N, C-alpha and C. Protein backbone atom coordinates (compact mmCIF):
# COMPACT_ATOMS: atom_id res chain seq x y z
N UNK A 1 -156.01 95.20 46.90
CA UNK A 1 -154.79 96.38 46.11
C UNK A 1 -155.56 97.85 46.74
N UNK A 2 -154.51 98.60 47.03
CA UNK A 2 -155.14 99.94 48.34
C UNK A 2 -155.39 101.30 47.35
N UNK A 3 -156.65 101.80 47.60
CA UNK A 3 -157.44 102.65 47.38
C UNK A 3 -156.73 103.99 47.59
N UNK A 4 -157.15 104.76 46.39
CA UNK A 4 -156.86 106.07 46.64
C UNK A 4 -157.14 107.07 47.81
N UNK A 5 -157.38 107.90 48.70
CA UNK A 5 -157.87 108.66 49.71
C UNK A 5 -158.96 109.09 48.93
N UNK A 6 -158.94 110.02 47.94
CA UNK A 6 -160.21 110.38 47.71
C UNK A 6 -160.87 109.36 46.00
N UNK A 7 -160.49 108.33 45.69
CA UNK A 7 -161.60 107.84 44.92
C UNK A 7 -161.72 106.00 45.36
N UNK A 8 -162.09 105.93 44.59
CA UNK A 8 -161.97 104.54 44.28
C UNK A 8 -161.41 103.43 43.19
N UNK A 9 -160.57 104.63 42.69
CA UNK A 9 -159.63 104.10 41.62
C UNK A 9 -158.34 103.61 42.85
N UNK A 10 -157.74 102.90 42.47
CA UNK A 10 -156.43 102.03 42.70
C UNK A 10 -155.17 103.11 42.37
N UNK A 11 -154.54 102.93 44.07
CA UNK A 11 -153.56 103.88 44.14
C UNK A 11 -152.39 103.42 42.93
N UNK A 12 -151.48 104.60 42.67
CA UNK A 12 -150.90 104.60 41.57
C UNK A 12 -149.94 103.48 42.01
N UNK A 13 -149.44 103.21 42.81
CA UNK A 13 -148.22 102.10 43.01
C UNK A 13 -149.02 101.29 42.44
N UNK A 14 -150.24 101.02 42.21
CA UNK A 14 -151.31 99.43 41.76
C UNK A 14 -151.20 99.36 40.17
N UNK A 15 -151.20 100.47 39.75
CA UNK A 15 -151.11 101.14 38.36
C UNK A 15 -150.32 99.52 37.57
N UNK A 16 -150.55 99.11 36.12
CA UNK A 16 -149.65 98.60 35.10
C UNK A 16 -148.79 99.76 34.96
N UNK A 17 -148.94 101.02 34.67
CA UNK A 17 -148.23 102.10 34.05
C UNK A 17 -147.06 102.17 35.29
N UNK A 18 -147.69 102.00 36.68
CA UNK A 18 -146.28 102.09 37.82
C UNK A 18 -145.78 100.99 37.53
N UNK A 19 -145.76 100.05 36.97
CA UNK A 19 -145.15 98.92 37.59
C UNK A 19 -144.23 99.18 36.42
N UNK A 20 -144.41 99.89 35.55
CA UNK A 20 -143.17 100.06 34.41
C UNK A 20 -142.52 100.87 34.28
N UNK A 21 -143.22 102.11 35.43
CA UNK A 21 -142.21 103.15 35.61
C UNK A 21 -140.48 103.45 36.43
N UNK A 22 -140.30 103.93 36.14
CA UNK A 22 -138.32 103.33 37.06
C UNK A 22 -138.59 103.54 37.86
N UNK A 23 -138.16 102.75 38.91
CA UNK A 23 -137.56 102.91 40.48
C UNK A 23 -136.86 104.44 40.79
N UNK A 24 -137.05 105.01 41.90
CA UNK A 24 -136.29 105.59 42.47
C UNK A 24 -134.64 105.56 41.92
N UNK A 25 -134.41 104.38 42.09
CA UNK A 25 -133.39 104.04 41.83
C UNK A 25 -132.85 104.51 40.16
N UNK A 26 -133.64 104.25 39.54
CA UNK A 26 -133.46 103.81 38.35
C UNK A 26 -132.80 105.60 37.81
N UNK A 27 -133.66 106.37 38.16
CA UNK A 27 -133.54 107.95 37.70
C UNK A 27 -131.90 108.79 37.86
N UNK A 28 -131.89 109.62 36.86
CA UNK A 28 -130.61 109.85 36.29
C UNK A 28 -130.03 110.71 37.68
N UNK A 29 -131.13 111.27 38.62
CA UNK A 29 -130.06 111.41 39.68
C UNK A 29 -129.52 110.29 40.55
N UNK A 30 -130.47 109.18 40.39
CA UNK A 30 -129.68 107.81 41.30
C UNK A 30 -128.49 107.56 41.09
N UNK A 31 -128.35 107.40 39.28
CA UNK A 31 -127.62 106.67 39.00
C UNK A 31 -125.88 108.09 39.00
N UNK A 32 -126.21 108.49 39.66
CA UNK A 32 -124.77 109.32 39.86
C UNK A 32 -124.05 108.53 41.41
N UNK A 33 -125.38 108.32 42.45
CA UNK A 33 -125.23 107.67 43.56
C UNK A 33 -123.92 106.95 43.48
N UNK A 34 -122.49 107.19 44.79
CA UNK A 34 -121.85 105.27 43.72
C UNK A 34 -122.11 104.48 44.72
N UNK A 35 -123.26 103.71 45.21
CA UNK A 35 -123.75 102.17 44.95
C UNK A 35 -124.14 102.16 44.04
N UNK A 36 -125.01 102.80 42.62
CA UNK A 36 -124.87 102.05 41.77
C UNK A 36 -123.86 101.96 40.38
N UNK A 37 -123.06 102.50 40.73
CA UNK A 37 -121.44 102.29 40.09
C UNK A 37 -121.04 101.42 40.48
N UNK A 38 -120.86 100.85 42.13
CA UNK A 38 -119.71 100.01 42.40
C UNK A 38 -120.86 98.22 42.05
N UNK A 39 -122.56 98.64 41.97
CA UNK A 39 -122.61 97.25 42.47
C UNK A 39 -122.65 95.96 40.87
N UNK A 40 -122.04 95.22 41.09
CA UNK A 40 -121.62 94.47 40.05
C UNK A 40 -122.76 93.67 38.91
N UNK A 41 -122.88 93.96 37.60
CA UNK A 41 -123.33 93.17 36.90
C UNK A 41 -123.99 92.19 36.82
N UNK A 42 -125.22 91.69 36.72
CA UNK A 42 -126.22 90.73 37.04
C UNK A 42 -125.99 89.98 36.05
N UNK A 43 -124.98 88.29 35.96
CA UNK A 43 -125.38 87.89 34.97
C UNK A 43 -126.26 86.90 35.30
N UNK A 44 -127.04 86.94 33.52
CA UNK A 44 -128.59 86.17 32.59
C UNK A 44 -127.77 84.78 33.02
N UNK A 45 -129.07 83.97 33.24
CA UNK A 45 -128.89 82.60 32.99
C UNK A 45 -129.69 82.44 31.57
N UNK A 46 -128.80 81.16 31.42
CA UNK A 46 -128.80 80.73 29.68
C UNK A 46 -130.00 79.28 29.69
N UNK A 47 -131.20 79.70 29.82
CA UNK A 47 -131.96 78.76 29.92
C UNK A 47 -132.89 79.46 28.37
N UNK A 48 -133.83 77.91 27.98
CA UNK A 48 -134.77 78.18 27.06
C UNK A 48 -136.25 77.87 27.03
N UNK A 49 -135.74 77.04 28.09
CA UNK A 49 -137.51 77.15 29.59
C UNK A 49 -137.55 78.68 30.40
N UNK A 50 -138.58 79.32 29.65
CA UNK A 50 -138.82 80.54 30.33
C UNK A 50 -140.55 80.96 30.41
N UNK A 51 -141.11 80.57 31.80
CA UNK A 51 -142.05 80.95 31.35
C UNK A 51 -142.79 81.41 33.47
N UNK A 52 -144.25 81.44 34.02
CA UNK A 52 -144.26 82.19 34.80
C UNK A 52 -142.90 81.83 36.16
N UNK A 53 -142.83 82.24 36.74
CA UNK A 53 -142.34 82.60 38.22
C UNK A 53 -142.58 81.05 39.38
N UNK A 54 -143.84 81.04 39.39
CA UNK A 54 -144.13 80.10 39.54
C UNK A 54 -145.30 79.10 39.03
N UNK A 55 -144.40 77.40 38.76
CA UNK A 55 -145.53 77.25 37.68
C UNK A 55 -146.53 76.43 37.76
N UNK A 56 -146.95 76.77 39.55
CA UNK A 56 -148.19 75.79 40.25
C UNK A 56 -149.17 76.46 40.28
N UNK A 57 -148.94 78.06 39.74
CA UNK A 57 -150.26 78.54 39.34
C UNK A 57 -150.53 79.46 38.41
N UNK A 58 -150.73 79.35 36.96
CA UNK A 58 -151.34 80.74 36.13
C UNK A 58 -152.25 81.51 36.21
N UNK A 59 -152.65 82.52 35.44
CA UNK A 59 -153.08 82.93 34.79
C UNK A 59 -154.10 83.17 33.90
N UNK A 60 -154.95 83.46 34.40
CA UNK A 60 -156.64 83.10 33.47
C UNK A 60 -157.01 84.38 32.69
N UNK A 61 -158.07 84.81 31.73
CA UNK A 61 -158.61 85.82 31.19
C UNK A 61 -158.85 86.16 32.50
N UNK A 62 -158.61 87.68 32.43
CA UNK A 62 -159.56 88.84 33.30
C UNK A 62 -158.91 88.43 34.55
N UNK A 63 -157.64 88.07 34.80
CA UNK A 63 -156.62 88.53 35.98
C UNK A 63 -156.98 87.26 37.09
N UNK A 64 -158.16 86.02 36.98
CA UNK A 64 -157.90 85.64 37.88
C UNK A 64 -156.85 84.76 37.58
N UNK A 65 -156.22 84.08 39.34
CA UNK A 65 -155.05 83.20 39.12
C UNK A 65 -155.40 81.88 39.32
N UNK A 66 -155.20 81.15 38.90
CA UNK A 66 -155.63 79.65 38.77
C UNK A 66 -154.25 78.56 39.46
N UNK A 67 -154.62 77.35 40.35
CA UNK A 67 -154.00 76.75 41.30
C UNK A 67 -153.85 75.39 39.91
N UNK A 68 -152.88 75.17 40.02
CA UNK A 68 -152.32 73.97 38.29
C UNK A 68 -152.56 72.76 39.79
N UNK A 69 -153.14 71.51 39.50
CA UNK A 69 -153.82 70.21 40.65
C UNK A 69 -152.95 69.47 39.37
N UNK A 70 -152.60 69.27 38.28
CA UNK A 70 -151.72 68.46 37.54
C UNK A 70 -151.65 68.92 36.25
N UNK A 71 -150.27 68.87 35.56
CA UNK A 71 -150.39 69.14 33.89
C UNK A 71 -150.57 68.06 33.17
N UNK A 72 -151.85 67.84 32.46
CA UNK A 72 -152.05 67.17 31.67
C UNK A 72 -151.51 66.27 30.15
N UNK A 73 -150.36 67.51 30.06
CA UNK A 73 -149.94 67.60 28.70
C UNK A 73 -148.61 68.86 28.80
N UNK A 74 -147.13 68.41 27.87
CA UNK A 74 -146.29 69.01 28.58
C UNK A 74 -145.74 69.40 27.67
N UNK A 75 -145.62 71.06 26.84
CA UNK A 75 -144.95 71.17 25.93
C UNK A 75 -143.85 70.93 25.14
N UNK A 76 -143.14 70.90 23.89
CA UNK A 76 -142.35 70.08 23.66
C UNK A 76 -141.25 71.34 23.44
N UNK A 77 -140.01 71.47 23.72
CA UNK A 77 -139.30 72.06 23.72
C UNK A 77 -138.34 72.43 22.55
N UNK A 78 -138.53 73.66 21.52
CA UNK A 78 -138.15 73.68 20.01
C UNK A 78 -136.08 73.78 20.32
N UNK A 79 -135.99 72.97 20.66
CA UNK A 79 -134.59 73.23 20.53
C UNK A 79 -133.46 73.12 18.95
N UNK A 80 -132.78 74.32 18.89
CA UNK A 80 -132.33 74.83 17.63
C UNK A 80 -130.95 74.30 18.13
N UNK A 81 -130.31 73.95 17.22
CA UNK A 81 -129.05 74.07 16.70
C UNK A 81 -128.23 74.92 17.46
N UNK A 82 -127.46 75.26 18.27
CA UNK A 82 -126.51 76.28 19.02
C UNK A 82 -127.43 76.81 19.93
N UNK A 83 -128.11 76.51 20.65
CA UNK A 83 -128.86 76.94 21.44
C UNK A 83 -128.43 76.22 23.02
N UNK A 84 -128.30 76.99 23.66
CA UNK A 84 -128.26 76.16 24.92
C UNK A 84 -129.13 75.89 26.25
N UNK A 85 -129.38 74.78 26.62
CA UNK A 85 -130.39 75.00 27.60
C UNK A 85 -129.73 74.65 29.25
N UNK A 86 -130.55 74.84 30.32
CA UNK A 86 -129.97 74.49 31.64
C UNK A 86 -131.32 74.26 31.97
N UNK A 87 -131.31 72.30 32.71
CA UNK A 87 -132.34 71.84 32.92
C UNK A 87 -131.59 70.73 34.04
N UNK A 88 -132.76 69.94 34.02
CA UNK A 88 -132.79 68.75 35.16
C UNK A 88 -133.80 68.06 34.43
N UNK A 89 -133.32 66.47 34.52
CA UNK A 89 -133.64 65.95 33.94
C UNK A 89 -134.64 65.15 34.85
N UNK A 90 -136.20 65.21 34.88
CA UNK A 90 -137.04 64.37 35.70
C UNK A 90 -137.31 63.40 35.59
N UNK A 91 -137.07 62.42 34.21
CA UNK A 91 -137.23 61.10 33.95
C UNK A 91 -136.22 60.84 33.09
N UNK A 92 -136.34 59.41 33.35
CA UNK A 92 -135.26 58.90 32.02
C UNK A 92 -135.72 59.09 30.03
N UNK A 93 -134.80 59.19 29.24
CA UNK A 93 -134.92 58.53 28.05
C UNK A 93 -136.00 57.87 27.53
N UNK A 94 -137.51 57.83 26.61
CA UNK A 94 -138.49 57.11 26.30
C UNK A 94 -138.53 57.37 25.48
N UNK A 95 -139.23 56.30 24.68
CA UNK A 95 -139.50 56.29 23.78
C UNK A 95 -141.86 57.42 24.36
N UNK A 96 -141.50 58.02 22.90
CA UNK A 96 -142.77 58.87 23.02
C UNK A 96 -144.13 58.44 22.24
N UNK A 97 -144.97 59.07 22.19
CA UNK A 97 -146.29 58.99 21.91
C UNK A 97 -145.91 58.04 20.23
N UNK A 98 -147.12 57.29 20.13
CA UNK A 98 -146.75 56.96 18.55
C UNK A 98 -147.72 57.79 17.74
N UNK A 99 -147.84 58.11 17.24
CA UNK A 99 -147.85 59.00 15.46
C UNK A 99 -148.86 58.07 14.84
N UNK A 100 -149.81 57.93 14.85
CA UNK A 100 -150.55 57.03 13.61
C UNK A 100 -150.71 57.70 12.37
N UNK A 101 -151.03 56.25 11.47
CA UNK A 101 -150.93 57.35 10.45
C UNK A 101 -152.18 57.81 10.10
N UNK A 102 -152.27 59.40 9.69
CA UNK A 102 -152.40 60.82 8.74
C UNK A 102 -153.78 60.06 8.17
N UNK A 103 -155.12 60.94 8.02
CA UNK A 103 -156.82 60.90 7.71
C UNK A 103 -156.13 60.72 5.83
N UNK A 104 -154.97 61.87 5.03
CA UNK A 104 -154.72 61.78 3.96
C UNK A 104 -153.30 60.85 3.57
N UNK A 105 -153.32 59.56 4.47
CA UNK A 105 -152.45 58.43 4.11
C UNK A 105 -150.95 58.46 3.83
N UNK A 106 -150.64 59.94 4.80
CA UNK A 106 -149.50 59.97 4.98
C UNK A 106 -148.86 58.97 6.15
N UNK A 107 -147.70 58.88 5.54
CA UNK A 107 -146.80 57.46 6.46
C UNK A 107 -147.08 57.60 7.65
N UNK A 108 -146.73 56.83 8.99
CA UNK A 108 -146.77 56.93 10.34
C UNK A 108 -145.45 57.20 10.35
N UNK A 109 -144.98 58.19 11.64
CA UNK A 109 -144.10 58.45 11.71
C UNK A 109 -142.93 57.71 12.54
N UNK A 110 -141.82 57.93 12.89
CA UNK A 110 -140.89 57.26 13.93
C UNK A 110 -141.39 57.42 15.52
N UNK A 111 -140.96 56.89 16.23
CA UNK A 111 -141.26 57.66 17.65
C UNK A 111 -140.11 58.03 18.32
N UNK A 112 -140.72 59.04 18.54
CA UNK A 112 -139.09 59.56 19.04
C UNK A 112 -138.98 59.59 20.25
N UNK A 113 -137.77 59.12 20.83
CA UNK A 113 -137.26 59.32 22.29
C UNK A 113 -137.30 60.70 22.75
N UNK A 114 -137.94 60.93 24.66
CA UNK A 114 -138.31 61.89 25.30
C UNK A 114 -137.80 62.00 26.45
N UNK A 115 -137.32 62.86 27.61
CA UNK A 115 -137.85 63.01 28.52
C UNK A 115 -138.23 64.17 29.12
N UNK A 116 -138.54 63.99 30.20
CA UNK A 116 -139.30 65.06 30.64
C UNK A 116 -138.14 66.70 31.86
N UNK A 117 -138.05 67.35 31.15
CA UNK A 117 -136.98 68.10 31.76
C UNK A 117 -137.94 69.10 32.86
N UNK A 118 -137.15 69.95 33.87
CA UNK A 118 -137.21 71.03 34.19
C UNK A 118 -136.44 71.98 34.24
N UNK A 119 -136.60 73.21 33.73
CA UNK A 119 -135.72 74.57 33.62
C UNK A 119 -135.93 74.85 35.06
N UNK A 120 -134.74 75.96 35.14
CA UNK A 120 -134.47 76.98 35.89
C UNK A 120 -135.43 77.17 36.97
N UNK A 121 -136.79 77.96 35.94
CA UNK A 121 -137.29 78.34 36.82
C UNK A 121 -138.80 77.54 37.26
N UNK A 122 -138.40 75.99 36.84
CA UNK A 122 -139.45 75.02 37.33
C UNK A 122 -140.01 75.41 35.91
N UNK A 123 -140.08 75.37 35.35
CA UNK A 123 -141.51 75.02 34.10
C UNK A 123 -140.74 73.70 33.63
N UNK A 124 -141.66 72.82 33.42
CA UNK A 124 -141.54 71.49 32.21
C UNK A 124 -141.59 71.41 31.16
N UNK A 125 -141.05 70.94 30.19
CA UNK A 125 -140.48 70.40 28.89
C UNK A 125 -140.78 68.88 28.76
N UNK A 126 -140.86 68.48 27.53
CA UNK A 126 -140.80 67.56 26.94
C UNK A 126 -139.29 67.84 26.14
N UNK A 127 -138.26 67.11 26.20
CA UNK A 127 -136.85 67.16 25.32
C UNK A 127 -136.98 65.89 24.28
N UNK A 128 -136.79 65.98 22.92
CA UNK A 128 -136.95 65.26 22.17
C UNK A 128 -135.74 64.93 21.96
N UNK A 129 -134.43 64.16 22.54
CA UNK A 129 -133.26 63.71 22.87
C UNK A 129 -132.60 62.61 21.11
N UNK A 130 -131.86 63.25 20.37
CA UNK A 130 -131.04 62.84 19.41
C UNK A 130 -130.35 61.41 19.66
N UNK A 131 -130.10 61.28 18.96
CA UNK A 131 -129.27 59.30 19.15
C UNK A 131 -128.03 59.66 19.96
N UNK A 132 -127.28 61.07 19.56
CA UNK A 132 -125.85 61.03 20.67
C UNK A 132 -125.93 61.47 21.71
N UNK A 133 -127.37 62.43 21.95
CA UNK A 133 -127.40 62.53 23.21
C UNK A 133 -127.79 61.52 24.53
N UNK A 134 -128.69 60.45 23.59
CA UNK A 134 -129.18 59.23 24.50
C UNK A 134 -128.07 58.80 24.47
N UNK A 135 -126.86 58.55 23.66
CA UNK A 135 -126.06 57.45 24.05
C UNK A 135 -124.63 58.47 24.44
N UNK A 136 -124.84 59.64 24.80
CA UNK A 136 -123.91 59.99 25.93
C UNK A 136 -124.02 59.70 27.16
N UNK A 137 -125.53 59.99 26.77
CA UNK A 137 -126.13 60.15 28.77
C UNK A 137 -125.72 58.71 29.09
N UNK A 138 -125.80 58.01 27.71
CA UNK A 138 -126.31 56.47 28.38
C UNK A 138 -124.35 55.66 29.23
N UNK A 139 -123.88 56.09 28.25
CA UNK A 139 -122.04 56.00 28.70
C UNK A 139 -122.06 56.63 30.00
N UNK A 140 -122.33 58.07 30.11
CA UNK A 140 -121.86 57.94 30.96
C UNK A 140 -122.45 58.48 32.43
N UNK A 141 -123.74 57.89 32.48
CA UNK A 141 -124.55 57.68 33.90
C UNK A 141 -124.99 55.98 33.90
N UNK A 142 -124.29 55.64 33.70
CA UNK A 142 -125.53 53.90 33.46
C UNK A 142 -126.73 53.50 34.69
N UNK A 143 -127.58 52.74 34.34
CA UNK A 143 -129.24 52.71 34.78
C UNK A 143 -129.61 54.39 35.21
N UNK A 144 -129.47 54.78 34.18
CA UNK A 144 -130.56 56.23 33.76
C UNK A 144 -129.60 57.44 35.28
N UNK A 145 -128.49 57.56 35.55
CA UNK A 145 -128.43 58.08 37.10
C UNK A 145 -128.65 59.70 36.41
N UNK A 146 -128.51 59.95 35.17
CA UNK A 146 -128.56 61.00 34.84
C UNK A 146 -129.96 61.64 35.38
N UNK A 147 -130.74 61.28 36.06
CA UNK A 147 -132.15 61.24 36.02
C UNK A 147 -132.17 62.21 37.37
N UNK A 148 -132.48 63.27 37.80
CA UNK A 148 -132.33 64.56 38.70
C UNK A 148 -130.98 65.11 38.99
N UNK A 149 -130.43 65.08 37.75
CA UNK A 149 -129.19 65.92 38.00
C UNK A 149 -129.25 67.25 36.87
N UNK A 150 -128.60 67.98 37.38
CA UNK A 150 -128.53 69.23 36.26
C UNK A 150 -127.49 69.32 35.30
N UNK A 151 -128.35 69.83 34.14
CA UNK A 151 -127.43 69.60 33.21
C UNK A 151 -127.47 71.31 32.65
N UNK A 152 -125.78 71.46 31.88
CA UNK A 152 -126.01 72.26 30.70
C UNK A 152 -125.58 72.33 29.17
N UNK A 153 -126.42 72.33 28.29
CA UNK A 153 -126.13 71.39 27.65
C UNK A 153 -126.33 72.64 25.81
N UNK A 154 -125.26 72.48 25.43
CA UNK A 154 -125.32 73.21 23.85
C UNK A 154 -125.51 71.76 22.63
N UNK A 155 -126.59 72.30 21.77
CA UNK A 155 -127.09 71.23 20.84
C UNK A 155 -125.93 71.97 19.46
N UNK A 156 -124.81 70.89 19.47
CA UNK A 156 -124.51 71.22 17.68
C UNK A 156 -124.77 71.03 16.92
N UNK A 157 -124.87 71.85 14.98
CA UNK A 157 -125.23 71.79 14.21
C UNK A 157 -124.26 70.24 13.87
N UNK A 158 -124.84 69.70 13.13
CA UNK A 158 -124.40 68.41 12.07
C UNK A 158 -123.33 68.95 11.73
N UNK A 159 -122.08 68.15 11.34
CA UNK A 159 -120.68 68.46 10.66
C UNK A 159 -121.25 68.26 9.21
N UNK A 160 -120.33 68.94 8.16
CA UNK A 160 -120.56 68.43 6.18
C UNK A 160 -120.28 67.62 6.45
N UNK A 161 -121.37 66.80 5.87
CA UNK A 161 -121.72 65.39 5.97
C UNK A 161 -122.20 64.41 6.89
N UNK A 162 -122.65 65.23 7.66
CA UNK A 162 -122.78 64.29 9.04
C UNK A 162 -124.33 64.38 8.92
N UNK A 163 -125.14 63.48 9.00
CA UNK A 163 -126.64 63.50 9.99
C UNK A 163 -126.97 64.35 11.01
N UNK A 164 -126.14 63.55 12.15
CA UNK A 164 -126.27 63.46 13.33
C UNK A 164 -126.02 65.08 13.49
N UNK A 165 -126.91 66.04 14.93
CA UNK A 165 -126.16 67.04 16.23
C UNK A 165 -125.67 66.38 16.28
N UNK A 166 -124.43 67.02 17.46
CA UNK A 166 -123.42 67.12 18.21
C UNK A 166 -124.17 67.25 19.53
N UNK A 167 -123.43 67.29 20.75
CA UNK A 167 -123.79 67.86 22.06
C UNK A 167 -122.87 68.29 22.84
N UNK A 168 -122.53 69.65 23.82
CA UNK A 168 -121.29 70.11 24.88
C UNK A 168 -122.58 69.22 25.58
N UNK A 169 -122.19 68.68 27.13
CA UNK A 169 -122.87 68.79 27.96
C UNK A 169 -122.32 68.33 29.07
N UNK A 170 -122.82 69.73 30.26
CA UNK A 170 -121.93 70.00 31.42
C UNK A 170 -122.80 69.26 32.33
N UNK A 171 -122.31 69.01 33.23
CA UNK A 171 -123.66 68.68 34.36
C UNK A 171 -122.43 69.32 35.53
N UNK A 172 -123.98 70.06 36.14
CA UNK A 172 -123.95 70.90 36.58
C UNK A 172 -124.52 70.99 38.49
N UNK A 173 -124.14 71.75 39.34
CA UNK A 173 -125.06 71.86 40.44
C UNK A 173 -126.26 72.44 40.21
N UNK A 174 -127.34 72.18 41.04
CA UNK A 174 -127.90 73.05 41.23
C UNK A 174 -128.36 73.99 41.46
N UNK A 175 -128.48 75.18 40.20
CA UNK A 175 -128.43 76.93 39.64
C UNK A 175 -128.96 77.07 40.95
N UNK A 176 -130.53 76.58 41.76
CA UNK A 176 -131.67 77.15 41.73
C UNK A 176 -130.75 77.77 43.41
N UNK A 177 -129.59 76.96 44.12
CA UNK A 177 -129.51 77.09 45.36
C UNK A 177 -128.91 75.86 46.05
């Protein structure tokens, strides 16, 4: 971190406020420049998986940066109806962890079919795979050939009188280049 010439305080460019301040190109005078007008609008990638840019590192309280050796648990992706995700299947769909009977005598839940996925930014999540998604992938990718492939998928709410969600599934090229 750079230090100011007169004090031991951080230089203005290193402060959080400076990070939020508009860059020179964002000022009204720069907005009149022809280069800004000619620049195409950046398309935002559609993804439900969005965490730190480098998932191998994480920031601890106090600003310390920690390198991750191994992820012991992977959070579940909450995939709502109408939501689109862009992901790569890291593993084949398989039975998840069995939920045992609760302390209050609640019945045991049916074991979900799950798969680990990776988002465009490298973040990993557990995807709960509905029966229709499982069937579509199994029919179109024998022997779990979808593993390692990138997909653009949208979950569609069940039609009137139906119980199962449907999916729009498109295999895509690796969006990271």
